[in-house]
PDB file of N, CA and C in Angstrom:
ATOM      1  N   UNK A   1     105.293  67.264 114.139  1.00  0.00           N
ATOM      2  CA  UNK A   1     104.001  68.139 114.942  1.00  0.00           C
ATOM      3  C   UNK A   1     104.439  68.935 113.615  1.00  0.00           C
ATOM      4  N   UNK A   2     102.796  69.038 112.948  1.00  0.00           N
ATOM      5  CA  UNK A   2     102.480  69.595 111.818  1.00  0.00           C
ATOM      6  C   UNK A   2     102.218  70.987 112.190  1.00  0.00           C
ATOM      7  N   UNK A   3     102.479  71.909 111.207  1.00  0.00           N
ATOM      8  CA  UNK A   3     102.462  73.115 111.520  1.00  0.00           C
ATOM      9  C   UNK A   3     100.759  73.611 111.476  1.00  0.00           C
ATOM     10  N   UNK A   4     100.408  74.613 112.057  1.00  0.00           N
ATOM     11  CA  UNK A   4      98.950  75.017 112.431  1.00  0.00           C
ATOM     12  C   UNK A   4      98.688  75.579 111.113  1.00  0.00           C
ATOM     13  N   UNK A   5      96.971  75.401 110.952  1.00  0.00           N
ATOM     14  CA  UNK A   5      96.505  75.792 109.642  1.00  0.00           C
ATOM     15  C   UNK A   5      96.341  77.098 109.948  1.00  0.00           C
ATOM     16  N   UNK A   6      97.059  77.369 108.344  1.00  0.00           N
ATOM     17  CA  UNK A   6      96.915  78.962 108.244  1.00  0.00           C
ATOM     18  C   UNK A   6      95.524  79.766 107.562  1.00  0.00           C
ATOM     19  N   UNK A   7      95.387  80.428 108.078  1.00  0.00           N
ATOM     20  CA  UNK A   7      93.910  81.088 107.416  1.00  0.00           C
ATOM     21  C   UNK A   7      94.107  82.130 106.297  1.00  0.00           C
ATOM     22  N   UNK A   8      93.593  81.664 105.372  1.00  0.00           N
ATOM     23  CA  UNK A   8      93.673  82.454 103.890  1.00  0.00           C
ATOM     24  C   UNK A   8      93.500  84.071 104.444  1.00  0.00           C
ATOM     25  N   UNK A   9      93.011  84.761 105.143  1.00  0.00           N
ATOM     26  CA  UNK A   9      92.689  85.700 105.557  1.00  0.00           C
ATOM     27  C   UNK A   9      94.321  86.578 106.144  1.00  0.00           C
ATOM     28  N   UNK A  10      95.082  85.453 106.891  1.00  0.00           N
ATOM     29  CA  UNK A  10      96.171  85.890 107.646  1.00  0.00           C
ATOM     30  C   UNK A  10      97.070  86.043 106.660  1.00  0.00           C
ATOM     31  N   UNK A  11      97.258  84.896 105.587  1.00  0.00           N
ATOM     32  CA  UNK A  11      98.529  84.908 104.556  1.00  0.00           C
ATOM     33  C   UNK A  11      98.070  86.188 103.406  1.00  0.00           C
ATOM     34  N   UNK A  12      96.630  86.731 103.392  1.00  0.00           N
ATOM     35  CA  UNK A  12      96.750  87.448 102.093  1.00  0.00           C
ATOM     36  C   UNK A  12      96.895  88.688 102.874  1.00  0.00           C
ATOM     37  N   UNK A  13      96.543  89.284 104.038  1.00  0.00           N
ATOM     38  CA  UNK A  13      96.961  90.138 104.991  1.00  0.00           C
ATOM     39  C   UNK A  13      98.234  90.688 104.917  1.00  0.00           C
ATOM     40  N   UNK A  14      99.244  89.386 105.326  1.00  0.00           N
ATOM     41  CA  UNK A  14     100.480  89.983 105.096  1.00  0.00           C
ATOM     42  C   UNK A  14     101.220  89.790 103.568  1.00  0.00           C
ATOM     43  N   UNK A  15     100.311  88.832 102.889  1.00  0.00           N
ATOM     44  CA  UNK A  15     100.654  89.768 101.363  1.00  0.00           C
ATOM     45  C   UNK A  15     100.793  90.561 100.674  1.00  0.00           C
ATOM     46  N   UNK A  16      99.092  91.306 101.634  1.00  0.00           N
ATOM     47  CA  UNK A  16      99.078  92.857 101.382  1.00  0.00           C
ATOM     48  C   UNK A  16     100.437  93.601 101.436  1.00  0.00           C
ATOM     49  N   UNK A  17     100.782  93.721 102.521  1.00  0.00           N
ATOM     50  CA  UNK A  17     101.454  94.241 103.384  1.00  0.00           C
ATOM     51  C   UNK A  17     103.171  94.272 102.497  1.00  0.00           C
ATOM     52  N   UNK A  18     103.007  92.822 101.932  1.00  0.00           N
ATOM     53  CA  UNK A  18     104.604  92.930 101.332  1.00  0.00           C
ATOM     54  C   UNK A  18     104.083  93.660 100.319  1.00  0.00           C
ATOM     55  N   UNK A  19     102.894  93.528  99.352  1.00  0.00           N
ATOM     56  CA  UNK A  19     102.844  94.111  98.180  1.00  0.00           C
ATOM     57  C   UNK A  19     102.950  95.786  98.431  1.00  0.00           C
ATOM     58  N   UNK A  20     102.533  96.329  99.113  1.00  0.00           N
ATOM     59  CA  UNK A  20     102.503  97.783  99.602  1.00  0.00           C
ATOM     60  C   UNK A  20     104.189  97.954  99.610  1.00  0.00           C
ATOM     61  N   UNK A  21     104.752  96.920 100.217  1.00  0.00           N
ATOM     62  CA  UNK A  21     105.968  97.736 100.572  1.00  0.00           C
ATOM     63  C   UNK A  21     107.431  97.401  98.886  1.00  0.00           C
ATOM     64  N   UNK A  22     106.314  96.503  98.179  1.00  0.00           N
ATOM     65  CA  UNK A  22     106.944  96.513  96.664  1.00  0.00           C
ATOM     66  C   UNK A  22     106.962  97.745  96.436  1.00  0.00           C
ATOM     67  N   UNK A  23     105.895  98.643  96.234  1.00  0.00           N
ATOM     68  CA  UNK A  23     105.719 100.202  96.011  1.00  0.00           C
ATOM     69  C   UNK A  23     107.041 100.734  95.922  1.00  0.00           C
ATOM     70  N   UNK A  24     107.959 100.460  96.846  1.00  0.00           N
ATOM     71  CA  UNK A  24     109.316 101.349  97.066  1.00  0.00           C
ATOM     72  C   UNK A  24     110.053 101.304  95.578  1.00  0.00           C
ATOM     73  N   UNK A  25     110.222 100.208  95.673  1.00  0.00           N
ATOM     74  CA  UNK A  25     111.369  98.995  94.702  1.00  0.00           C
ATOM     75  C   UNK A  25     110.715  99.630  92.739  1.00  0.00           C
ATOM     76  N   UNK A  26     109.150  99.613  92.991  1.00  0.00           N
ATOM     77  CA  UNK A  26     108.439  99.794  91.950  1.00  0.00           C
ATOM     78  C   UNK A  26     108.682 101.197  91.449  1.00  0.00           C
ATOM     79  N   UNK A  27     108.678 102.669  92.255  1.00  0.00           N
ATOM     80  CA  UNK A  27     109.102 103.759  92.144  1.00  0.00           C
ATOM     81  C   UNK A  27     110.251 103.948  91.903  1.00  0.00           C
ATOM     82  N   UNK A  28     110.969 103.479  91.954  1.00  0.00           N
ATOM     83  CA  UNK A  28     112.709 103.190  91.630  1.00  0.00           C
ATOM     84  C   UNK A  28     112.977 103.043  90.123  1.00  0.00           C
ATOM     85  N   UNK A  29     112.088 102.552  89.284  1.00  0.00           N
ATOM     86  CA  UNK A  29     112.237 102.161  87.832  1.00  0.00           C
ATOM     87  C   UNK A  29     111.891 103.110  87.044  1.00  0.00           C
ATOM     88  N   UNK A  30     113.061 103.366  85.950  1.00  0.00           N
ATOM     89  CA  UNK A  30     113.361 104.017  85.207  1.00  0.00           C
ATOM     90  C   UNK A  30     112.297 104.335  83.849  1.00  0.00           C
ATOM     91  N   UNK A  31     111.518 102.849  83.966  1.00  0.00           N
ATOM     92  CA  UNK A  31     110.708 102.557  82.599  1.00  0.00           C
ATOM     93  C   UNK A  31     109.125 102.694  83.035  1.00  0.00           C
ATOM     94  N   UNK A  32     108.514 102.675  81.660  1.00  0.00           N
ATOM     95  CA  UNK A  32     106.705 102.856  82.292  1.00  0.00           C
ATOM     96  C   UNK A  32     106.279 102.041  82.808  1.00  0.00           C
ATOM     97  N   UNK A  33     105.519 102.405  83.977  1.00  0.00           N
ATOM     98  CA  UNK A  33     105.120 101.566  84.831  1.00  0.00           C
ATOM     99  C   UNK A  33     103.698 101.256  84.810  1.00  0.00           C
ATOM    100  N   UNK A  34     103.345 101.556  84.025  1.00  0.00           N
ATOM    101  CA  UNK A  34     101.573 101.687  83.794  1.00  0.00           C
ATOM    102  C   UNK A  34     101.195  99.935  84.213  1.00  0.00           C
ATOM    103  N   UNK A  35     101.751  99.209  83.120  1.00  0.00           N
ATOM    104  CA  UNK A  35     101.391  97.383  83.799  1.00  0.00           C
ATOM    105  C   UNK A  35     101.655  97.354  84.799  1.00  0.00           C
ATOM    106  N   UNK A  36     102.826  97.384  85.761  1.00  0.00           N
ATOM    107  CA  UNK A  36     103.130  97.373  86.954  1.00  0.00           C
ATOM    108  C   UNK A  36     101.958  97.718  87.908  1.00  0.00           C
ATOM    109  N   UNK A  37     101.521  98.993  87.575  1.00  0.00           N
ATOM    110  CA  UNK A  37     100.663  99.220  88.295  1.00  0.00           C
ATOM    111  C   UNK A  37      99.415  98.871  88.499  1.00  0.00           C
ATOM    112  N   UNK A  38      98.736  98.581  87.250  1.00  0.00           N
ATOM    113  CA  UNK A  38      97.456  98.030  86.650  1.00  0.00           C
ATOM    114  C   UNK A  38      97.733  96.415  87.431  1.00  0.00           C
ATOM    115  N   UNK A  39      98.780  95.494  87.080  1.00  0.00           N
ATOM    116  CA  UNK A  39      98.812  94.115  87.704  1.00  0.00           C
ATOM    117  C   UNK A  39      98.742  94.188  89.669  1.00  0.00           C
ATOM    118  N   UNK A  40      99.272  95.335  89.825  1.00  0.00           N
ATOM    119  CA  UNK A  40      99.488  95.672  91.615  1.00  0.00           C
ATOM    120  C   UNK A  40      97.924  95.823  91.848  1.00  0.00           C
ATOM    121  N   UNK A  41      97.452  96.764  91.279  1.00  0.00           N
ATOM    122  CA  UNK A  41      96.224  96.593  91.554  1.00  0.00           C
ATOM    123  C   UNK A  41      95.042  95.867  91.471  1.00  0.00           C
ATOM    124  N   UNK A  42      95.075  94.983  90.353  1.00  0.00           N
ATOM    125  CA  UNK A  42      94.037  93.703  90.440  1.00  0.00           C
ATOM    126  C   UNK A  42      94.575  92.824  91.326  1.00  0.00           C
ATOM    127  N   UNK A  43      95.965  92.712  92.180  1.00  0.00           N
ATOM    128  CA  UNK A  43      96.588  91.754  92.970  1.00  0.00           C
ATOM    129  C   UNK A  43      96.097  92.149  94.591  1.00  0.00           C
ATOM    130  N   UNK A  44      95.907  93.844  94.548  1.00  0.00           N
ATOM    131  CA  UNK A  44      95.553  94.622  95.663  1.00  0.00           C
ATOM    132  C   UNK A  44      94.361  94.553  96.043  1.00  0.00           C
ATOM    133  N   UNK A  45      93.650  94.171  95.045  1.00  0.00           N
ATOM    134  CA  UNK A  45      91.919  94.436  95.377  1.00  0.00           C
ATOM    135  C   UNK A  45      91.695  92.376  95.653  1.00  0.00           C
ATOM    136  N   UNK A  46      92.210  91.823  95.446  1.00  0.00           N
ATOM    137  CA  UNK A  46      92.196  90.308  95.468  1.00  0.00           C
ATOM    138  C   UNK A  46      92.195  90.552  96.813  1.00  0.00           C
ATOM    139  N   UNK A  47      93.663  90.600  97.196  1.00  0.00           N
ATOM    140  CA  UNK A  47      94.072  90.506  98.633  1.00  0.00           C
ATOM    141  C   UNK A  47      93.086  91.040  99.940  1.00  0.00           C
ATOM    142  N   UNK A  48      92.603  92.055  98.971  1.00  0.00           N
ATOM    143  CA  UNK A  48      91.940  92.725 100.450  1.00  0.00           C
ATOM    144  C   UNK A  48      90.522  92.277 100.563  1.00  0.00           C
ATOM    145  N   UNK A  49      90.095  91.461  99.049  1.00  0.00           N
ATOM    146  CA  UNK A  49      88.653  90.699  99.052  1.00  0.00           C
ATOM    147  C   UNK A  49      88.660  88.976  99.932  1.00  0.00           C
ATOM    148  N   UNK A  50      89.923  88.901 100.136  1.00  0.00           N
ATOM    149  CA  UNK A  50      90.243  87.560 100.849  1.00  0.00           C
ATOM    150  C   UNK A  50      90.228  87.732 102.086  1.00  0.00           C
ATOM    151  N   UNK A  51      90.806  88.945 102.427  1.00  0.00           N
ATOM    152  CA  UNK A  51      91.012  89.455 103.852  1.00  0.00           C
ATOM    153  C   UNK A  51      89.472  89.711 104.323  1.00  0.00           C
ATOM    154  N   UNK A  52      88.259  90.484 103.816  1.00  0.00           N
ATOM    155  CA  UNK A  52      87.252  90.576 104.058  1.00  0.00           C
ATOM    156  C   UNK A  52      86.568  89.286 104.133  1.00  0.00           C
ATOM    157  N   UNK A  53      86.568  88.660 103.178  1.00  0.00           N
ATOM    158  CA  UNK A  53      85.478  87.259 102.795  1.00  0.00           C
ATOM    159  C   UNK A  53      86.254  86.443 103.887  1.00  0.00           C
ATOM    160  N   UNK A  54      87.154  86.349 104.008  1.00  0.00           N
ATOM    161  CA  UNK A  54      88.263  84.943 105.346  1.00  0.00           C
ATOM    162  C   UNK A  54      87.177  83.752 105.005  1.00  0.00           C
ATOM    163  N   UNK A  55      87.819  83.084 103.846  1.00  0.00           N
ATOM    164  CA  UNK A  55      87.117  81.674 102.876  1.00  0.00           C
ATOM    165  C   UNK A  55      87.773  80.931 104.279  1.00  0.00           C
ATOM    166  N   UNK A  56      87.123  79.534 104.457  1.00  0.00           N
ATOM    167  CA  UNK A  56      88.265  78.464 105.267  1.00  0.00           C
ATOM    168  C   UNK A  56      89.199  77.803 104.393  1.00  0.00           C
ATOM    169  N   UNK A  57      89.848  77.918 104.885  1.00  0.00           N
ATOM    170  CA  UNK A  57      91.676  77.325 103.994  1.00  0.00           C
ATOM    171  C   UNK A  57      91.317  76.303 103.074  1.00  0.00           C
ATOM    172  N   UNK A  58      90.176  75.034 103.787  1.00  0.00           N
ATOM    173  CA  UNK A  58      89.779  73.800 102.881  1.00  0.00           C
ATOM    174  C   UNK A  58      88.926  74.413 101.479  1.00  0.00           C
ATOM    175  N   UNK A  59      88.328  76.079 101.434  1.00  0.00           N
ATOM    176  CA  UNK A  59      87.854  76.550 100.355  1.00  0.00           C
ATOM    177  C   UNK A  59      88.721  77.535  99.915  1.00  0.00           C
ATOM    178  N   UNK A  60      89.786  77.732  99.957  1.00  0.00           N
ATOM    179  CA  UNK A  60      90.354  78.852  99.034  1.00  0.00           C
ATOM    180  C   UNK A  60      90.439  78.865  98.131  1.00  0.00           C
ATOM    181  N   UNK A  61      91.047  77.361  97.698  1.00  0.00           N
ATOM    182  CA  UNK A  61      91.270  77.392  96.488  1.00  0.00           C
ATOM    183  C   UNK A  61      89.973  77.561  95.283  1.00  0.00           C
ATOM    184  N   UNK A  62      89.080  77.138  95.672  1.00  0.00           N
ATOM    185  CA  UNK A  62      87.922  77.005  94.847  1.00  0.00           C
ATOM    186  C   UNK A  62      87.244  78.929  95.246  1.00  0.00           C
ATOM    187  N   UNK A  63      87.875  79.514  96.134  1.00  0.00           N
ATOM    188  CA  UNK A  63      87.309  80.819  96.198  1.00  0.00           C
ATOM    189  C   UNK A  63      88.359  81.632  95.113  1.00  0.00           C
ATOM    190  N   UNK A  64      89.353  80.905  95.245  1.00  0.00           N
ATOM    191  CA  UNK A  64      90.308  82.026  94.079  1.00  0.00           C
ATOM    192  C   UNK A  64      89.895  81.358  92.637  1.00  0.00           C
ATOM    193  N   UNK A  65      89.508  80.538  92.284  1.00  0.00           N
ATOM    194  CA  UNK A  65      89.020  80.348  91.154  1.00  0.00           C
ATOM    195  C   UNK A  65      87.363  80.794  90.797  1.00  0.00           C
ATOM    196  N   UNK A  66      87.085  81.407  91.257  1.00  0.00           N
ATOM    197  CA  UNK A  66      85.614  81.999  91.614  1.00  0.00           C
ATOM    198  C   UNK A  66      85.796  83.430  91.508  1.00  0.00           C
ATOM    199  N   UNK A  67      86.840  83.639  91.994  1.00  0.00           N
ATOM    200  CA  UNK A  67      87.420  85.282  92.202  1.00  0.00           C
ATOM    201  C   UNK A  67      87.055  85.845  90.373  1.00  0.00           C
ATOM    202  N   UNK A  68      87.996  85.673  89.699  1.00  0.00           N
ATOM    203  CA  UNK A  68      87.714  86.365  88.761  1.00  0.00           C
ATOM    204  C   UNK A  68      85.871  86.962  88.153  1.00  0.00           C
ATOM    205  N   UNK A  69      85.377  85.648  88.164  1.00  0.00           N
ATOM    206  CA  UNK A  69      83.642  85.891  88.030  1.00  0.00           C
ATOM    207  C   UNK A  69      83.240  87.103  88.982  1.00  0.00           C
ATOM    208  N   UNK A  70      83.865  87.659  89.936  1.00  0.00           N
ATOM    209  CA  UNK A  70      82.975  88.288  90.728  1.00  0.00           C
ATOM    210  C   UNK A  70      83.484  89.819  90.304  1.00  0.00           C
ATOM    211  N   UNK A  71      84.460  89.567  89.397  1.00  0.00           N
ATOM    212  CA  UNK A  71      84.920  91.269  88.807  1.00  0.00           C
ATOM    213  C   UNK A  71      83.592  91.649  87.920  1.00  0.00           C
ATOM    214  N   UNK A  72      83.607  93.041  88.229  1.00  0.00           N
ATOM    215  CA  UNK A  72      82.802  94.525  87.806  1.00  0.00           C
ATOM    216  C   UNK A  72      83.238  94.049  86.360  1.00  0.00           C
ATOM    217  N   UNK A  73      84.116  94.583  85.748  1.00  0.00           N
ATOM    218  CA  UNK A  73      84.956  94.802  84.568  1.00  0.00           C
ATOM    219  C   UNK A  73      85.065  93.636  83.956  1.00  0.00           C
ATOM    220  N   UNK A  74      84.824  93.403  82.606  1.00  0.00           N
ATOM    221  CA  UNK A  74      85.005  91.852  81.744  1.00  0.00           C
ATOM    222  C   UNK A  74      86.181  92.084  81.798  1.00  0.00           C
ATOM    223  N   UNK A  75      86.673  93.146  81.399  1.00  0.00           N
ATOM    224  CA  UNK A  75      88.625  92.967  80.648  1.00  0.00           C
ATOM    225  C   UNK A  75      89.244  92.378  81.907  1.00  0.00           C
ATOM    226  N   UNK A  76      89.058  92.311  82.911  1.00  0.00           N
ATOM    227  CA  UNK A  76      89.714  92.541  84.382  1.00  0.00           C
ATOM    228  C   UNK A  76      89.712  90.888  84.551  1.00  0.00           C
ATOM    229  N   UNK A  77      89.074  90.167  84.214  1.00  0.00           N
ATOM    230  CA  UNK A  77      89.193  88.621  84.330  1.00  0.00           C
ATOM    231  C   UNK A  77      90.323  87.773  84.026  1.00  0.00           C
ATOM    232  N   UNK A  78      90.923  88.220  83.189  1.00  0.00           N
ATOM    233  CA  UNK A  78      92.088  87.160  82.522  1.00  0.00           C
ATOM    234  C   UNK A  78      93.204  87.512  83.584  1.00  0.00           C
ATOM    235  N   UNK A  79      93.610  88.980  83.660  1.00  0.00           N
ATOM    236  CA  UNK A  79      94.347  89.579  85.093  1.00  0.00           C
ATOM    237  C   UNK A  79      93.780  89.128  86.303  1.00  0.00           C
ATOM    238  N   UNK A  80      92.282  88.996  86.357  1.00  0.00           N
ATOM    239  CA  UNK A  80      91.931  88.249  87.829  1.00  0.00           C
ATOM    240  C   UNK A  80      92.597  86.966  88.021  1.00  0.00           C
ATOM    241  N   UNK A  81      92.167  86.273  87.029  1.00  0.00           N
ATOM    242  CA  UNK A  81      92.611  85.090  87.007  1.00  0.00           C
ATOM    243  C   UNK A  81      94.146  84.686  87.475  1.00  0.00           C
ATOM    244  N   UNK A  82      94.741  85.576  86.542  1.00  0.00           N
ATOM    245  CA  UNK A  82      96.668  84.838  86.248  1.00  0.00           C
ATOM    246  C   UNK A  82      97.020  85.861  88.212  1.00  0.00           C
ATOM    247  N   UNK A  83      95.938  86.764  88.594  1.00  0.00           N
ATOM    248  CA  UNK A  83      96.460  86.906  89.915  1.00  0.00           C
ATOM    249  C   UNK A  83      96.195  85.959  91.122  1.00  0.00           C
ATOM    250  N   UNK A  84      95.169  85.755  91.009  1.00  0.00           N
ATOM    251  CA  UNK A  84      94.357  84.345  91.539  1.00  0.00           C
ATOM    252  C   UNK A  84      95.425  83.324  91.740  1.00  0.00           C
ATOM    253  N   UNK A  85      95.605  82.798  90.023  1.00  0.00           N
ATOM    254  CA  UNK A  85      97.044  81.899  90.569  1.00  0.00           C
ATOM    255  C   UNK A  85      98.123  81.747  91.187  1.00  0.00           C
ATOM    256  N   UNK A  86      98.607  83.126  90.776  1.00  0.00           N
ATOM    257  CA  UNK A  86     100.088  83.696  91.919  1.00  0.00           C
ATOM    258  C   UNK A  86      99.599  83.707  93.079  1.00  0.00           C
ATOM    259  N   UNK A  87      98.598  84.219  93.462  1.00  0.00           N
ATOM    260  CA  UNK A  87      98.110  84.369  95.394  1.00  0.00           C
ATOM    261  C   UNK A  87      97.811  82.442  95.742  1.00  0.00           C
ATOM    262  N   UNK A  88      97.868  81.828  94.615  1.00  0.00           N
ATOM    263  CA  UNK A  88      97.365  80.070  95.256  1.00  0.00           C
ATOM    264  C   UNK A  88      98.677  79.825  95.532  1.00  0.00           C
ATOM    265  N   UNK A  89      99.466  80.124  94.383  1.00  0.00           N
ATOM    266  CA  UNK A  89     100.785  79.637  94.574  1.00  0.00           C
ATOM    267  C   UNK A  89     101.914  80.279  95.900  1.00  0.00           C
ATOM    268  N   UNK A  90     101.384  81.709  96.166  1.00  0.00           N
ATOM    269  CA  UNK A  90     102.313  82.240  97.415  1.00  0.00           C
ATOM    270  C   UNK A  90     101.306  81.559  98.941  1.00  0.00           C
ATOM    271  N   UNK A  91     100.171  80.853  98.634  1.00  0.00           N
ATOM    272  CA  UNK A  91      99.101  80.590  99.344  1.00  0.00           C
ATOM    273  C   UNK A  91     100.373  78.624 100.263  1.00  0.00           C
ATOM    274  N   UNK A  92     100.552  78.187  98.767  1.00  0.00           N
ATOM    275  CA  UNK A  92     100.886  77.265  98.973  1.00  0.00           C
ATOM    276  C   UNK A  92     102.425  76.911  99.576  1.00  0.00           C
ATOM    277  N   UNK A  93     103.304  78.275  99.015  1.00  0.00           N
ATOM    278  CA  UNK A  93     104.629  78.206  99.648  1.00  0.00           C
ATOM    279  C   UNK A  93     104.395  78.681 101.193  1.00  0.00           C
ATOM    280  N   UNK A  94     103.467  79.715 101.568  1.00  0.00           N
ATOM    281  CA  UNK A  94     103.446  79.733 102.878  1.00  0.00           C
ATOM    282  C   UNK A  94     103.228  78.723 103.839  1.00  0.00           C
ATOM    283  N   UNK A  95     102.757  77.164 103.575  1.00  0.00           N
ATOM    284  CA  UNK A  95     102.195  76.065 103.727  1.00  0.00           C
ATOM    285  C   UNK A  95     104.063  75.321 103.823  1.00  0.00           C
ATOM    286  N   UNK A  96     104.445  75.261 102.203  1.00  0.00           N
ATOM    287  CA  UNK A  96     105.432  74.857 102.084  1.00  0.00           C
ATOM    288  C   UNK A  96     106.957  74.965 102.715  1.00  0.00           C
ATOM    289  N   UNK A  97     107.320  76.299 103.339  1.00  0.00           N
ATOM    290  CA  UNK A  97     108.331  77.258 103.513  1.00  0.00           C
ATOM    291  C   UNK A  97     108.229  77.558 104.803  1.00  0.00           C
ATOM    292  N   UNK A  98     108.730  77.075 105.964  1.00  0.00           N
ATOM    293  CA  UNK A  98     108.880  77.942 107.371  1.00  0.00           C
ATOM    294  C   UNK A  98     109.439  79.127 107.319  1.00  0.00           C
ATOM    295  N   UNK A  99     110.296  79.386 106.629  1.00  0.00           N
ATOM    296  CA  UNK A  99     110.935  80.655 106.054  1.00  0.00           C
ATOM    297  C   UNK A  99     110.425  81.353 105.648  1.00  0.00           C
ATOM    298  N   UNK A 100     109.313  80.883 104.496  1.00  0.00           N
ATOM    299  CA  UNK A 100     108.444  81.766 104.170  1.00  0.00           C
ATOM    300  C   UNK A 100     107.024  82.429 104.724  1.00  0.00           C
ATOM    301  N   UNK A 101     107.129  81.696 106.023  1.00  0.00           N
ATOM    302  CA  UNK A 101     105.732  81.624 106.771  1.00  0.00           C
ATOM    303  C   UNK A 101     106.337  82.625 107.630  1.00  0.00           C
ATOM    304  N   UNK A 102     107.432  82.400 108.280  1.00  0.00           N
ATOM    305  CA  UNK A 102     108.444  83.507 109.229  1.00  0.00           C
ATOM    306  C   UNK A 102     108.469  84.897 108.722  1.00  0.00           C
ATOM    307  N   UNK A 103     108.818  84.563 107.459  1.00  0.00           N
ATOM    308  CA  UNK A 103     108.622  86.462 106.900  1.00  0.00           C
ATOM    309  C   UNK A 103     107.136  87.136 106.767  1.00  0.00           C
ATOM    310  N   UNK A 104     106.092  86.184 106.660  1.00  0.00           N
ATOM    311  CA  UNK A 104     104.964  86.660 106.679  1.00  0.00           C
ATOM    312  C   UNK A 104     104.248  86.878 108.045  1.00  0.00           C
ATOM    313  N   UNK A 105     104.671  86.421 108.777  1.00  0.00           N
ATOM    314  CA  UNK A 105     104.130  86.487 110.172  1.00  0.00           C
ATOM    315  C   UNK A 105     104.944  87.709 110.862  1.00  0.00           C
ATOM    316  N   UNK A 106     106.057  88.188 110.138  1.00  0.00           N
ATOM    317  CA  UNK A 106     106.557  88.768 110.805  1.00  0.00           C
ATOM    318  C   UNK A 106     106.013  90.484 110.183  1.00  0.00           C
ATOM    319  N   UNK A 107     105.518  90.462 109.142  1.00  0.00           N
ATOM    320  CA  UNK A 107     104.867  91.575 108.438  1.00  0.00           C
ATOM    321  C   UNK A 107     105.478  92.017 106.918  1.00  0.00           C
ATOM    322  N   UNK A 108     105.961  90.432 106.681  1.00  0.00           N
ATOM    323  CA  UNK A 108     106.799  90.990 105.495  1.00  0.00           C
ATOM    324  C   UNK A 108     107.903  92.195 105.240  1.00  0.00           C
ATOM    325  N   UNK A 109     108.853  92.286 106.762  1.00  0.00           N
ATOM    326  CA  UNK A 109     109.833  93.302 106.031  1.00  0.00           C
ATOM    327  C   UNK A 109     110.459  93.202 104.856  1.00  0.00           C
ATOM    328  N   UNK A 110     110.851  94.840 104.385  1.00  0.00           N
ATOM    329  CA  UNK A 110     111.516  94.886 103.514  1.00  0.00           C
ATOM    330  C   UNK A 110     112.211  96.437 103.722  1.00  0.00           C
ATOM    331  N   UNK A 111     113.370  96.054 102.734  1.00  0.00           N
ATOM    332  CA  UNK A 111     114.419  97.796 102.785  1.00  0.00           C
ATOM    333  C   UNK A 111     113.244  98.645 101.809  1.00  0.00           C
ATOM    334  N   UNK A 112     112.433  97.665 100.623  1.00  0.00           N
ATOM    335  CA  UNK A 112     111.991  98.811  99.930  1.00  0.00           C
ATOM    336  C   UNK A 112     110.792  99.447 100.829  1.00  0.00           C
ATOM    337  N   UNK A 113     110.155  99.211 101.628  1.00  0.00           N
ATOM    338  CA  UNK A 113     109.056  99.471 102.209  1.00  0.00           C
ATOM    339  C   UNK A 113     109.530 100.860 102.548  1.00  0.00           C
ATOM    340  N   UNK A 114     110.685 100.745 103.279  1.00  0.00           N
ATOM    341  CA  UNK A 114     111.322 102.136 103.947  1.00  0.00           C
ATOM    342  C   UNK A 114     111.843 103.301 102.960  1.00  0.00           C
ATOM    343  N   UNK A 115     112.237 103.154 101.526  1.00  0.00           N
ATOM    344  CA  UNK A 115     112.396 103.546 100.795  1.00  0.00           C
ATOM    345  C   UNK A 115     111.210 104.165 100.184  1.00  0.00           C
ATOM    346  N   UNK A 116     109.673 103.104  99.838  1.00  0.00           N
ATOM    347  CA  UNK A 116     108.853 103.515  99.427  1.00  0.00           C
ATOM    348  C   UNK A 116     108.382 105.079 100.201  1.00  0.00           C
ATOM    349  N   UNK A 117     108.512 104.662 102.203  1.00  0.00           N
ATOM    350  CA  UNK A 117     107.963 105.579 102.779  1.00  0.00           C
ATOM    351  C   UNK A 117     108.521 106.984 102.963  1.00  0.00           C
ATOM    352  N   UNK A 118     109.607 106.881 102.340  1.00  0.00           N
ATOM    353  CA  UNK A 118     110.817 108.522 102.226  1.00  0.00           C
ATOM    354  C   UNK A 118     110.682 109.431 101.425  1.00  0.00           C
ATOM    355  N   UNK A 119     109.760 109.090 100.306  1.00  0.00           N
ATOM    356  CA  UNK A 119     109.579 109.485  99.374  1.00  0.00           C
ATOM    357  C   UNK A 119     108.534 110.123  99.134  1.00  0.00           C
TER     358      UNK A 119
END
């Protein structure tokens, strides 16, 4: 039996929850985290826009390819393209891996999320 088609908005909503959970781990690092924060901000914006736009599954790859062109700041096009590619790989993984899909469906639980909230 074929797995049900996932909506990009649903996958991106779960990835956004996982991204928020990763903030706990990022805060524990002792090095300069400015690049991490910048990359996460770009990815967060991409995921939020994907949730808002809710592209059709068959059009999601094209939506991701066009996303960097929608960035207002020209200097964000490169990082936006890199994050769009990463999200595409996570999108593909959600279809290929039942374990990853289940983790996303459970709200991407993470011990790091608890650590981030308690601080």
